Amino acid sequence: ALLTEILQPFFNRDGRLIDVLIDSVGIFGAYGLCRLLRRPKR
């Protein structure tokens, strides 16, 4: 996510570090959802 944002200004796009935080919502959301679904049921 960080790499893609750093590269964007070299492709005439607007890279923003805030987008890394937005990307992280998806990154940690997927991981958290997988961990939640894999928890043993009580």
PDB file of all heavy atoms in Angstrom:
ATOM      1  N   ALA A   1       0.844  -1.199   0.000  1.00  0.00           N
ATOM      2  CA  ALA A   1       0.000   0.000   0.000  1.00  0.00           C
ATOM      3  C   ALA A   1       0.878   1.249   0.000  1.00  0.00           C
ATOM      4  O   ALA A   1       0.625   2.204  -0.746  1.00  0.00           O
ATOM      5  CB  ALA A   1      -0.927  -0.005   1.217  1.00  0.00           C
ATOM      6  N   LEU A   2       1.916   1.248   0.815  1.00  0.00           N
ATOM      7  CA  LEU A   2       2.844   2.375   0.879  1.00  0.00           C
ATOM      8  C   LEU A   2       3.568   2.557  -0.459  1.00  0.00           C
ATOM      9  O   LEU A   2       3.685   3.672  -0.970  1.00  0.00           O
ATOM     10  CB  LEU A   2       3.842   2.161   2.015  1.00  0.00           C
ATOM     11  CG  LEU A   2       4.860   3.263   2.252  1.00  0.00           C
ATOM     12  CD1 LEU A   2       4.174   4.567   2.623  1.00  0.00           C
ATOM     13  CD2 LEU A   2       5.820   2.839   3.365  1.00  0.00           C
ATOM     14  N   LEU A   3       4.022   1.457  -1.044  1.00  0.00           N
ATOM     15  CA  LEU A   3       4.714   1.518  -2.329  1.00  0.00           C
ATOM     16  C   LEU A   3       3.826   2.120  -3.420  1.00  0.00           C
ATOM     17  O   LEU A   3       4.273   2.984  -4.179  1.00  0.00           O
ATOM     18  CB  LEU A   3       5.185   0.123  -2.753  1.00  0.00           C
ATOM     19  CG  LEU A   3       5.835   0.041  -4.133  1.00  0.00           C
ATOM     20  CD1 LEU A   3       7.165   0.782  -4.147  1.00  0.00           C
ATOM     21  CD2 LEU A   3       6.009  -1.413  -4.551  1.00  0.00           C
ATOM     22  N   THR A   4       2.577   1.697  -3.492  1.00  0.00           N
ATOM     23  CA  THR A   4       1.700   2.222  -4.544  1.00  0.00           C
ATOM     24  C   THR A   4       1.462   3.720  -4.371  1.00  0.00           C
ATOM     25  O   THR A   4       1.386   4.451  -5.356  1.00  0.00           O
ATOM     26  CB  THR A   4       0.348   1.483  -4.606  1.00  0.00           C
ATOM     27  OG1 THR A   4      -0.323   1.594  -3.351  1.00  0.00           O
ATOM     28  CG2 THR A   4       0.526   0.027  -4.995  1.00  0.00           C
ATOM     29  N   GLU A   5       1.379   4.173  -3.128  1.00  0.00           N
ATOM     30  CA  GLU A   5       1.181   5.613  -2.904  1.00  0.00           C
ATOM     31  C   GLU A   5       2.440   6.404  -3.248  1.00  0.00           C
ATOM     32  O   GLU A   5       2.351   7.515  -3.777  1.00  0.00           O
ATOM     33  CB  GLU A   5       0.750   5.891  -1.468  1.00  0.00           C
ATOM     34  CG  GLU A   5      -0.628   5.377  -1.134  1.00  0.00           C
ATOM     35  CD  GLU A   5      -1.724   5.889  -2.054  1.00  0.00           C
ATOM     36  OE1 GLU A   5      -1.693   7.082  -2.448  1.00  0.00           O
ATOM     37  OE2 GLU A   5      -2.619   5.098  -2.395  1.00  0.00           O
ATOM     38  N   ILE A   6       3.612   5.858  -2.961  1.00  0.00           N
ATOM     39  CA  ILE A   6       4.864   6.541  -3.291  1.00  0.00           C
ATOM     40  C   ILE A   6       5.069   6.588  -4.809  1.00  0.00           C
ATOM     41  O   ILE A   6       5.597   7.567  -5.341  1.00  0.00           O
ATOM     42  CB  ILE A   6       6.057   5.862  -2.581  1.00  0.00           C
ATOM     43  CG1 ILE A   6       5.967   6.123  -1.071  1.00  0.00           C
ATOM     44  CG2 ILE A   6       7.386   6.355  -3.136  1.00  0.00           C
ATOM     45  CD1 ILE A   6       6.964   5.327  -0.248  1.00  0.00           C
ATOM     46  N   LEU A   7       4.630   5.563  -5.516  1.00  0.00           N
ATOM     47  CA  LEU A   7       4.791   5.525  -6.972  1.00  0.00           C
ATOM     48  C   LEU A   7       3.830   6.451  -7.714  1.00  0.00           C
ATOM     49  O   LEU A   7       4.157   6.959  -8.787  1.00  0.00           O
ATOM     50  CB  LEU A   7       4.601   4.096  -7.490  1.00  0.00           C
ATOM     51  CG  LEU A   7       5.722   3.114  -7.200  1.00  0.00           C
ATOM     52  CD1 LEU A   7       5.332   1.720  -7.671  1.00  0.00           C
ATOM     53  CD2 LEU A   7       7.019   3.559  -7.850  1.00  0.00           C
ATOM     54  N   GLN A   8       2.655   6.687  -7.168  1.00  0.00           N
ATOM     55  CA  GLN A   8       1.642   7.459  -7.889  1.00  0.00           C
ATOM     56  C   GLN A   8       2.114   8.830  -8.373  1.00  0.00           C
ATOM     57  O   GLN A   8       1.812   9.198  -9.515  1.00  0.00           O
ATOM     58  CB  GLN A   8       0.379   7.608  -7.035  1.00  0.00           C
ATOM     59  CG  GLN A   8      -0.461   6.363  -7.036  1.00  0.00           C
ATOM     60  CD  GLN A   8      -1.756   6.548  -6.282  1.00  0.00           C
ATOM     61  OE1 GLN A   8      -2.338   7.621  -6.283  1.00  0.00           O
ATOM     62  NE2 GLN A   8      -2.204   5.490  -5.631  1.00  0.00           N
ATOM     63  N   PRO A   9       2.850   9.611  -7.575  1.00  0.00           N
ATOM     64  CA  PRO A   9       3.297  10.912  -8.094  1.00  0.00           C
ATOM     65  C   PRO A   9       4.191  10.804  -9.331  1.00  0.00           C
ATOM     66  O   PRO A   9       4.289  11.753 -10.104  1.00  0.00           O
ATOM     67  CB  PRO A   9       4.068  11.521  -6.924  1.00  0.00           C
ATOM     68  CG  PRO A   9       3.517  10.850  -5.708  1.00  0.00           C
ATOM     69  CD  PRO A   9       3.167   9.463  -6.155  1.00  0.00           C
ATOM     70  N   PHE A  10       4.817   9.659  -9.537  1.00  0.00           N
ATOM     71  CA  PHE A  10       5.660   9.467 -10.718  1.00  0.00           C
ATOM     72  C   PHE A  10       4.851   9.035 -11.943  1.00  0.00           C
ATOM     73  O   PHE A  10       5.393   8.835 -13.018  1.00  0.00           O
ATOM     74  CB  PHE A  10       6.772   8.458 -10.420  1.00  0.00           C
ATOM     75  CG  PHE A  10       7.734   8.964  -9.387  1.00  0.00           C
ATOM     76  CD1 PHE A  10       7.634   8.555  -8.071  1.00  0.00           C
ATOM     77  CD2 PHE A  10       8.720   9.878  -9.730  1.00  0.00           C
ATOM     78  CE1 PHE A  10       8.513   9.033  -7.113  1.00  0.00           C
ATOM     79  CE2 PHE A  10       9.602  10.368  -8.782  1.00  0.00           C
ATOM     80  CZ  PHE A  10       9.499   9.947  -7.470  1.00  0.00           C
ATOM     81  N   PHE A  11       3.548   8.863 -11.745  1.00  0.00           N
ATOM     82  CA  PHE A  11       2.634   8.525 -12.844  1.00  0.00           C
ATOM     83  C   PHE A  11       1.556   9.599 -12.986  1.00  0.00           C
ATOM     84  O   PHE A  11       0.442   9.319 -13.409  1.00  0.00           O
ATOM     85  CB  PHE A  11       1.995   7.150 -12.598  1.00  0.00           C
ATOM     86  CG  PHE A  11       2.958   6.016 -12.795  1.00  0.00           C
ATOM     87  CD1 PHE A  11       3.716   5.542 -11.735  1.00  0.00           C
ATOM     88  CD2 PHE A  11       3.133   5.455 -14.039  1.00  0.00           C
ATOM     89  CE1 PHE A  11       4.620   4.505 -11.915  1.00  0.00           C
ATOM     90  CE2 PHE A  11       4.035   4.410 -14.235  1.00  0.00           C
ATOM     91  CZ  PHE A  11       4.780   3.936 -13.168  1.00  0.00           C
ATOM     92  N   ASN A  12       1.920  10.829 -12.609  1.00  0.00           N
ATOM     93  CA  ASN A  12       1.004  11.971 -12.686  1.00  0.00           C
ATOM     94  C   ASN A  12      -0.309  11.729 -11.956  1.00  0.00           C
ATOM     95  O   ASN A  12      -1.376  12.116 -12.422  1.00  0.00           O
ATOM     96  CB  ASN A  12       0.762  12.387 -14.138  1.00  0.00           C
ATOM     97  CG  ASN A  12       1.954  13.113 -14.693  1.00  0.00           C
ATOM     98  OD1 ASN A  12       2.506  14.000 -14.047  1.00  0.00           O
ATOM     99  ND2 ASN A  12       2.377  12.737 -15.886  1.00  0.00           N
ATOM    100  N   ARG A  13      -0.226  11.065 -10.828  1.00  0.00           N
ATOM    101  CA  ARG A  13      -1.370  10.841  -9.951  1.00  0.00           C
ATOM    102  C   ARG A  13      -1.055  11.479  -8.607  1.00  0.00           C
ATOM    103  O   ARG A  13       0.083  11.834  -8.321  1.00  0.00           O
ATOM    104  CB  ARG A  13      -1.617   9.335  -9.757  1.00  0.00           C
ATOM    105  CG  ARG A  13      -2.060   8.574 -10.976  1.00  0.00           C
ATOM    106  CD  ARG A  13      -3.538   8.769 -11.294  1.00  0.00           C
ATOM    107  NE  ARG A  13      -4.398   8.431 -10.189  1.00  0.00           N
ATOM    108  CZ  ARG A  13      -4.860   7.216  -9.918  1.00  0.00           C
ATOM    109  NH1 ARG A  13      -4.538   6.211 -10.697  1.00  0.00           N
ATOM    110  NH2 ARG A  13      -5.647   7.019  -8.894  1.00  0.00           N
ATOM    111  N   ASP A  14      -2.060  11.593  -7.777  1.00  0.00           N
ATOM    112  CA  ASP A  14      -1.883  12.158  -6.448  1.00  0.00           C
ATOM    113  C   ASP A  14      -1.757  11.035  -5.432  1.00  0.00           C
ATOM    114  O   ASP A  14      -2.755  10.414  -5.071  1.00  0.00           O
ATOM    115  CB  ASP A  14      -3.076  13.044  -6.072  1.00  0.00           C
ATOM    116  CG  ASP A  14      -3.174  14.269  -6.941  1.00  0.00           C
ATOM    117  OD1 ASP A  14      -2.119  14.762  -7.377  1.00  0.00           O
ATOM    118  OD2 ASP A  14      -4.296  14.730  -7.185  1.00  0.00           O
ATOM    119  N   GLY A  15      -0.547  10.762  -4.987  1.00  0.00           N
ATOM    120  CA  GLY A  15      -0.340   9.789  -3.924  1.00  0.00           C
ATOM    121  C   GLY A  15      -0.524  10.470  -2.579  1.00  0.00           C
ATOM    122  O   GLY A  15      -0.113  11.615  -2.399  1.00  0.00           O
ATOM    123  N   ARG A  16      -1.168   9.790  -1.654  1.00  0.00           N
ATOM    124  CA  ARG A  16      -1.397  10.341  -0.323  1.00  0.00           C
ATOM    125  C   ARG A  16      -1.153   9.255   0.723  1.00  0.00           C
ATOM    126  O   ARG A  16      -1.666   8.136   0.593  1.00  0.00           O
ATOM    127  CB  ARG A  16      -2.838  10.836  -0.156  1.00  0.00           C
ATOM    128  CG  ARG A  16      -3.270  11.904  -1.115  1.00  0.00           C
ATOM    129  CD  ARG A  16      -2.695  13.257  -0.714  1.00  0.00           C
ATOM    130  NE  ARG A  16      -3.297  14.337  -1.461  1.00  0.00           N
ATOM    131  CZ  ARG A  16      -2.805  14.826  -2.585  1.00  0.00           C
ATOM    132  NH1 ARG A  16      -1.705  14.325  -3.113  1.00  0.00           N
ATOM    133  NH2 ARG A  16      -3.405  15.822  -3.202  1.00  0.00           N
ATOM    134  N   LEU A  17      -0.419   9.597   1.748  1.00  0.00           N
ATOM    135  CA  LEU A  17      -0.194   8.639   2.836  1.00  0.00           C
ATOM    136  C   LEU A  17      -1.497   8.322   3.569  1.00  0.00           C
ATOM    137  O   LEU A  17      -1.648   7.223   4.109  1.00  0.00           O
ATOM    138  CB  LEU A  17       0.857   9.162   3.808  1.00  0.00           C
ATOM    139  CG  LEU A  17       2.280   9.213   3.248  1.00  0.00           C
ATOM    140  CD1 LEU A  17       3.244   9.777   4.286  1.00  0.00           C
ATOM    141  CD2 LEU A  17       2.746   7.845   2.788  1.00  0.00           C
ATOM    142  N   ILE A  18      -2.450   9.246   3.552  1.00  0.00           N
ATOM    143  CA  ILE A  18      -3.747   8.975   4.174  1.00  0.00           C
ATOM    144  C   ILE A  18      -4.417   7.776   3.499  1.00  0.00           C
ATOM    145  O   ILE A  18      -5.162   7.030   4.133  1.00  0.00           O
ATOM    146  CB  ILE A  18      -4.650  10.232   4.149  1.00  0.00           C
ATOM    147  CG1 ILE A  18      -5.854  10.064   5.070  1.00  0.00           C
ATOM    148  CG2 ILE A  18      -5.111  10.578   2.753  1.00  0.00           C
ATOM    149  CD1 ILE A  18      -5.549  10.218   6.507  1.00  0.00           C
ATOM    150  N   ASP A  19      -4.114   7.569   2.207  1.00  0.00           N
ATOM    151  CA  ASP A  19      -4.678   6.408   1.510  1.00  0.00           C
ATOM    152  C   ASP A  19      -4.107   5.098   2.044  1.00  0.00           C
ATOM    153  O   ASP A  19      -4.773   4.068   1.965  1.00  0.00           O
ATOM    154  CB  ASP A  19      -4.447   6.513   0.003  1.00  0.00           C
ATOM    155  CG  ASP A  19      -5.417   7.482  -0.666  1.00  0.00           C
ATOM    156  OD1 ASP A  19      -6.443   7.821  -0.042  1.00  0.00           O
ATOM    157  OD2 ASP A  19      -5.144   7.891  -1.801  1.00  0.00           O
ATOM    158  N   VAL A  20      -2.902   5.131   2.583  1.00  0.00           N
ATOM    159  CA  VAL A  20      -2.345   3.927   3.206  1.00  0.00           C
ATOM    160  C   VAL A  20      -3.201   3.556   4.425  1.00  0.00           C
ATOM    161  O   VAL A  20      -3.450   2.369   4.670  1.00  0.00           O
ATOM    162  CB  VAL A  20      -0.865   4.117   3.600  1.00  0.00           C
ATOM    163  CG1 VAL A  20      -0.335   2.888   4.325  1.00  0.00           C
ATOM    164  CG2 VAL A  20      -0.021   4.408   2.365  1.00  0.00           C
ATOM    165  N   LEU A  21      -3.670   4.548   5.149  1.00  0.00           N
ATOM    166  CA  LEU A  21      -4.568   4.271   6.279  1.00  0.00           C
ATOM    167  C   LEU A  21      -5.893   3.696   5.788  1.00  0.00           C
ATOM    168  O   LEU A  21      -6.432   2.770   6.396  1.00  0.00           O
ATOM    169  CB  LEU A  21      -4.812   5.539   7.094  1.00  0.00           C
ATOM    170  CG  LEU A  21      -3.612   6.094   7.832  1.00  0.00           C
ATOM    171  CD1 LEU A  21      -3.964   7.409   8.510  1.00  0.00           C
ATOM    172  CD2 LEU A  21      -3.092   5.099   8.846  1.00  0.00           C
ATOM    173  N   ILE A  22      -6.394   4.234   4.686  1.00  0.00           N
ATOM    174  CA  ILE A  22      -7.639   3.709   4.118  1.00  0.00           C
ATOM    175  C   ILE A  22      -7.420   2.277   3.633  1.00  0.00           C
ATOM    176  O   ILE A  22      -8.258   1.396   3.860  1.00  0.00           O
ATOM    177  CB  ILE A  22      -8.141   4.637   2.995  1.00  0.00           C
ATOM    178  CG1 ILE A  22      -8.548   5.985   3.595  1.00  0.00           C
ATOM    179  CG2 ILE A  22      -9.294   4.005   2.221  1.00  0.00           C
ATOM    180  CD1 ILE A  22      -8.806   7.077   2.592  1.00  0.00           C
ATOM    181  N   ASP A  23      -6.288   2.025   2.976  1.00  0.00           N
ATOM    182  CA  ASP A  23      -5.947   0.662   2.550  1.00  0.00           C
ATOM    183  C   ASP A  23      -5.878  -0.273   3.756  1.00  0.00           C
ATOM    184  O   ASP A  23      -6.300  -1.431   3.695  1.00  0.00           O
ATOM    185  CB  ASP A  23      -4.600   0.637   1.828  1.00  0.00           C
ATOM    186  CG  ASP A  23      -4.582   1.466   0.554  1.00  0.00           C
ATOM    187  OD1 ASP A  23      -5.664   1.762   0.010  1.00  0.00           O
ATOM    188  OD2 ASP A  23      -3.477   1.821   0.117  1.00  0.00           O
ATOM    189  N   SER A  24      -5.342   0.249   4.862  1.00  0.00           N
ATOM    190  CA  SER A  24      -5.178  -0.562   6.072  1.00  0.00           C
ATOM    191  C   SER A  24      -6.516  -0.988   6.664  1.00  0.00           C
ATOM    192  O   SER A  24      -6.593  -2.021   7.334  1.00  0.00           O
ATOM    193  CB  SER A  24      -4.352   0.195   7.112  1.00  0.00           C
ATOM    194  OG  SER A  24      -3.033   0.378   6.627  1.00  0.00           O
ATOM    195  N   VAL A  25      -7.566  -0.213   6.424  1.00  0.00           N
ATOM    196  CA  VAL A  25      -8.904  -0.633   6.861  1.00  0.00           C
ATOM    197  C   VAL A  25      -9.246  -1.966   6.197  1.00  0.00           C
ATOM    198  O   VAL A  25      -9.731  -2.897   6.841  1.00  0.00           O
ATOM    199  CB  VAL A  25      -9.959   0.447   6.536  1.00  0.00           C
ATOM    200  CG1 VAL A  25     -11.374  -0.081   6.740  1.00  0.00           C
ATOM    201  CG2 VAL A  25      -9.716   1.701   7.367  1.00  0.00           C
ATOM    202  N   GLY A  26      -8.982  -2.064   4.902  1.00  0.00           N
ATOM    203  CA  GLY A  26      -9.229  -3.314   4.188  1.00  0.00           C
ATOM    204  C   GLY A  26      -8.286  -4.421   4.624  1.00  0.00           C
ATOM    205  O   GLY A  26      -8.692  -5.573   4.810  1.00  0.00           O
ATOM    206  N   ILE A  27      -7.016  -4.073   4.824  1.00  0.00           N
ATOM    207  CA  ILE A  27      -6.002  -5.063   5.199  1.00  0.00           C
ATOM    208  C   ILE A  27      -6.329  -5.701   6.544  1.00  0.00           C
ATOM    209  O   ILE A  27      -6.425  -6.923   6.666  1.00  0.00           O
ATOM    210  CB  ILE A  27      -4.603  -4.412   5.222  1.00  0.00           C
ATOM    211  CG1 ILE A  27      -4.160  -4.034   3.807  1.00  0.00           C
ATOM    212  CG2 ILE A  27      -3.586  -5.341   5.887  1.00  0.00           C
ATOM    213  CD1 ILE A  27      -2.958  -3.100   3.757  1.00  0.00           C
ATOM    214  N   PHE A  28      -6.516  -4.860   7.547  1.00  0.00           N
ATOM    215  CA  PHE A  28      -6.763  -5.389   8.890  1.00  0.00           C
ATOM    216  C   PHE A  28      -8.194  -5.877   9.059  1.00  0.00           C
ATOM    217  O   PHE A  28      -8.460  -6.761   9.871  1.00  0.00           O
ATOM    218  CB  PHE A  28      -6.380  -4.351   9.944  1.00  0.00           C
ATOM    219  CG  PHE A  28      -4.898  -4.138  10.012  1.00  0.00           C
ATOM    220  CD1 PHE A  28      -4.311  -3.042   9.398  1.00  0.00           C
ATOM    221  CD2 PHE A  28      -4.076  -5.054  10.640  1.00  0.00           C
ATOM    222  CE1 PHE A  28      -2.936  -2.852   9.426  1.00  0.00           C
ATOM    223  CE2 PHE A  28      -2.701  -4.881  10.682  1.00  0.00           C
ATOM    224  CZ  PHE A  28      -2.136  -3.770  10.074  1.00  0.00           C
ATOM    225  N   GLY A  29      -9.114  -5.316   8.251  1.00  0.00           N
ATOM    226  CA  GLY A  29     -10.493  -5.803   8.272  1.00  0.00           C
ATOM    227  C   GLY A  29     -10.578  -7.242   7.795  1.00  0.00           C
ATOM    228  O   GLY A  29     -11.275  -8.069   8.389  1.00  0.00           O
ATOM    229  N   ALA A  30      -9.869  -7.559   6.724  1.00  0.00           N
ATOM    230  CA  ALA A  30      -9.872  -8.932   6.199  1.00  0.00           C
ATOM    231  C   ALA A  30      -9.263  -9.887   7.204  1.00  0.00           C
ATOM    232  O   ALA A  30      -9.804 -10.965   7.465  1.00  0.00           O
ATOM    233  CB  ALA A  30      -9.098  -8.994   4.882  1.00  0.00           C
ATOM    234  N   TYR A  31      -8.135  -9.486   7.776  1.00  0.00           N
ATOM    235  CA  TYR A  31      -7.457 -10.351   8.751  1.00  0.00           C
ATOM    236  C   TYR A  31      -8.350 -10.575   9.974  1.00  0.00           C
ATOM    237  O   TYR A  31      -8.516 -11.704  10.435  1.00  0.00           O
ATOM    238  CB  TYR A  31      -6.125  -9.729   9.161  1.00  0.00           C
ATOM    239  CG  TYR A  31      -5.348 -10.590  10.121  1.00  0.00           C
ATOM    240  CD1 TYR A  31      -4.692 -11.729   9.679  1.00  0.00           C
ATOM    241  CD2 TYR A  31      -5.273 -10.273  11.467  1.00  0.00           C
ATOM    242  CE1 TYR A  31      -3.983 -12.531  10.552  1.00  0.00           C
ATOM    243  CE2 TYR A  31      -4.564 -11.064  12.349  1.00  0.00           C
ATOM    244  CZ  TYR A  31      -3.922 -12.194  11.892  1.00  0.00           C
ATOM    245  OH  TYR A  31      -3.230 -12.983  12.763  1.00  0.00           O
ATOM    246  N   GLY A  32      -8.931  -9.495  10.472  1.00  0.00           N
ATOM    247  CA  GLY A  32      -9.804  -9.606  11.649  1.00  0.00           C
ATOM    248  C   GLY A  32     -11.020 -10.469  11.378  1.00  0.00           C
ATOM    249  O   GLY A  32     -11.409 -11.285  12.216  1.00  0.00           O
ATOM    250  N   LEU A  33     -11.624 -10.312  10.202  1.00  0.00           N
ATOM    251  CA  LEU A  33     -12.785 -11.119   9.844  1.00  0.00           C
ATOM    252  C   LEU A  33     -12.414 -12.598   9.762  1.00  0.00           C
ATOM    253  O   LEU A  33     -13.142 -13.459  10.271  1.00  0.00           O
ATOM    254  CB  LEU A  33     -13.374 -10.637   8.520  1.00  0.00           C
ATOM    255  CG  LEU A  33     -14.611 -11.383   8.027  1.00  0.00           C
ATOM    256  CD1 LEU A  33     -15.772 -11.196   8.993  1.00  0.00           C
ATOM    257  CD2 LEU A  33     -14.995 -10.893   6.635  1.00  0.00           C
ATOM    258  N   CYS A  34     -11.276 -12.893   9.154  1.00  0.00           N
ATOM    259  CA  CYS A  34     -10.828 -14.295   9.052  1.00  0.00           C
ATOM    260  C   CYS A  34     -10.582 -14.891  10.434  1.00  0.00           C
ATOM    261  O   CYS A  34     -10.972 -16.025  10.703  1.00  0.00           O
ATOM    262  CB  CYS A  34      -9.552 -14.391   8.213  1.00  0.00           C
ATOM    263  SG  CYS A  34      -9.825 -14.135   6.468  1.00  0.00           S
ATOM    264  N   ARG A  35      -9.943 -14.126  11.298  1.00  0.00           N
ATOM    265  CA  ARG A  35      -9.673 -14.610  12.655  1.00  0.00           C
ATOM    266  C   ARG A  35     -10.977 -14.828  13.421  1.00  0.00           C
ATOM    267  O   ARG A  35     -11.125 -15.804  14.147  1.00  0.00           O
ATOM    268  CB  ARG A  35      -8.776 -13.635  13.400  1.00  0.00           C
ATOM    269  CG  ARG A  35      -7.407 -13.427  12.761  1.00  0.00           C
ATOM    270  CD  ARG A  35      -6.545 -14.629  12.816  1.00  0.00           C
ATOM    271  NE  ARG A  35      -6.213 -14.910  14.206  1.00  0.00           N
ATOM    272  CZ  ARG A  35      -5.449 -15.898  14.615  1.00  0.00           C
ATOM    273  NH1 ARG A  35      -4.905 -16.692  13.735  1.00  0.00           N
ATOM    274  NH2 ARG A  35      -5.210 -16.104  15.877  1.00  0.00           N
ATOM    275  N   LEU A  36     -11.920 -13.931  13.235  1.00  0.00           N
ATOM    276  CA  LEU A  36     -13.214 -14.051  13.904  1.00  0.00           C
ATOM    277  C   LEU A  36     -13.965 -15.288  13.428  1.00  0.00           C
ATOM    278  O   LEU A  36     -14.534 -16.042  14.232  1.00  0.00           O
ATOM    279  CB  LEU A  36     -14.046 -12.794  13.639  1.00  0.00           C
ATOM    280  CG  LEU A  36     -15.398 -12.714  14.331  1.00  0.00           C
ATOM    281  CD1 LEU A  36     -15.211 -12.611  15.841  1.00  0.00           C
ATOM    282  CD2 LEU A  36     -16.182 -11.532  13.810  1.00  0.00           C
ATOM    283  N   LEU A  37     -13.945 -15.536  12.132  1.00  0.00           N
ATOM    284  CA  LEU A  37     -14.647 -16.689  11.568  1.00  0.00           C
ATOM    285  C   LEU A  37     -13.973 -18.008  11.916  1.00  0.00           C
ATOM    286  O   LEU A  37     -14.628 -19.056  11.918  1.00  0.00           O
ATOM    287  CB  LEU A  37     -14.765 -16.547  10.050  1.00  0.00           C
ATOM    288  CG  LEU A  37     -15.660 -15.409   9.568  1.00  0.00           C
ATOM    289  CD1 LEU A  37     -15.597 -15.289   8.053  1.00  0.00           C
ATOM    290  CD2 LEU A  37     -17.090 -15.596  10.042  1.00  0.00           C
ATOM    291  N   ARG A  38     -12.685 -17.971  12.223  1.00  0.00           N
ATOM    292  CA  ARG A  38     -11.950 -19.197  12.535  1.00  0.00           C
ATOM    293  C   ARG A  38     -11.959 -19.524  14.021  1.00  0.00           C
ATOM    294  O   ARG A  38     -11.453 -20.569  14.423  1.00  0.00           O
ATOM    295  CB  ARG A  38     -10.511 -19.068  12.053  1.00  0.00           C
ATOM    296  CG  ARG A  38     -10.417 -19.025  10.538  1.00  0.00           C
ATOM    297  CD  ARG A  38      -9.019 -19.040  10.049  1.00  0.00           C
ATOM    298  NE  ARG A  38      -8.262 -20.045  10.768  1.00  0.00           N
ATOM    299  CZ  ARG A  38      -6.959 -19.999  10.970  1.00  0.00           C
ATOM    300  NH1 ARG A  38      -6.266 -19.008  10.495  1.00  0.00           N
ATOM    301  NH2 ARG A  38      -6.336 -20.938  11.629  1.00  0.00           N
ATOM    302  N   ARG A  39     -12.501 -18.638  14.844  1.00  0.00           N
ATOM    303  CA  ARG A  39     -12.541 -18.899  16.289  1.00  0.00           C
ATOM    304  C   ARG A  39     -13.391 -20.119  16.570  1.00  0.00           C
ATOM    305  O   ARG A  39     -14.435 -20.329  15.939  1.00  0.00           O
ATOM    306  CB  ARG A  39     -13.144 -17.718  17.037  1.00  0.00           C
ATOM    307  CG  ARG A  39     -12.201 -16.584  17.190  1.00  0.00           C
ATOM    308  CD  ARG A  39     -12.705 -15.451  18.011  1.00  0.00           C
ATOM    309  NE  ARG A  39     -13.907 -15.697  18.780  1.00  0.00           N
ATOM    310  CZ  ARG A  39     -14.687 -14.761  19.253  1.00  0.00           C
ATOM    311  NH1 ARG A  39     -14.436 -13.497  18.994  1.00  0.00           N
ATOM    312  NH2 ARG A  39     -15.748 -15.043  19.962  1.00  0.00           N
ATOM    313  N   PRO A  40     -12.957 -20.929  17.535  1.00  0.00           N
ATOM    314  CA  PRO A  40     -13.794 -22.080  17.896  1.00  0.00           C
ATOM    315  C   PRO A  40     -15.118 -21.612  18.500  1.00  0.00           C
ATOM    316  O   PRO A  40     -15.151 -20.638  19.256  1.00  0.00           O
ATOM    317  CB  PRO A  40     -12.954 -22.842  18.927  1.00  0.00           C
ATOM    318  CG  PRO A  40     -11.798 -21.978  19.261  1.00  0.00           C
ATOM    319  CD  PRO A  40     -11.748 -20.861  18.294  1.00  0.00           C
ATOM    320  N   LYS A  41     -16.159 -22.277  18.132  1.00  0.00           N
ATOM    321  CA  LYS A  41     -17.485 -21.933  18.640  1.00  0.00           C
ATOM    322  C   LYS A  41     -17.693 -22.538  20.026  1.00  0.00           C
ATOM    323  O   LYS A  41     -17.377 -23.701  20.258  1.00  0.00           O
ATOM    324  CB  LYS A  41     -18.554 -22.407  17.677  1.00  0.00           C
ATOM    325  CG  LYS A  41     -18.479 -21.697  16.344  1.00  0.00           C
ATOM    326  CD  LYS A  41     -19.593 -22.140  15.439  1.00  0.00           C
ATOM    327  CE  LYS A  41     -19.653 -21.303  14.229  1.00  0.00           C
ATOM    328  NZ  LYS A  41     -18.777 -21.549  13.191  1.00  0.00           N
ATOM    329  N   ARG A  42     -18.246 -21.741  20.913  1.00  0.00           N
ATOM    330  CA  ARG A  42     -18.538 -22.221  22.278  1.00  0.00           C
ATOM    331  C   ARG A  42     -20.043 -22.467  22.402  1.00  0.00           C
ATOM    332  O   ARG A  42     -20.842 -21.667  21.966  1.00  0.00           O
ATOM    333  CB  ARG A  42     -18.121 -21.170  23.305  1.00  0.00           C
ATOM    334  CG  ARG A  42     -16.663 -20.892  23.275  1.00  0.00           C
ATOM    335  CD  ARG A  42     -16.350 -19.869  24.309  1.00  0.00           C
ATOM    336  NE  ARG A  42     -15.008 -19.341  24.046  1.00  0.00           N
ATOM    337  CZ  ARG A  42     -14.520 -18.272  24.625  1.00  0.00           C
ATOM    338  NH1 ARG A  42     -15.224 -17.623  25.508  1.00  0.00           N
ATOM    339  NH2 ARG A  42     -13.315 -17.865  24.335  1.00  0.00           N
TER     340      ARG A  42
END
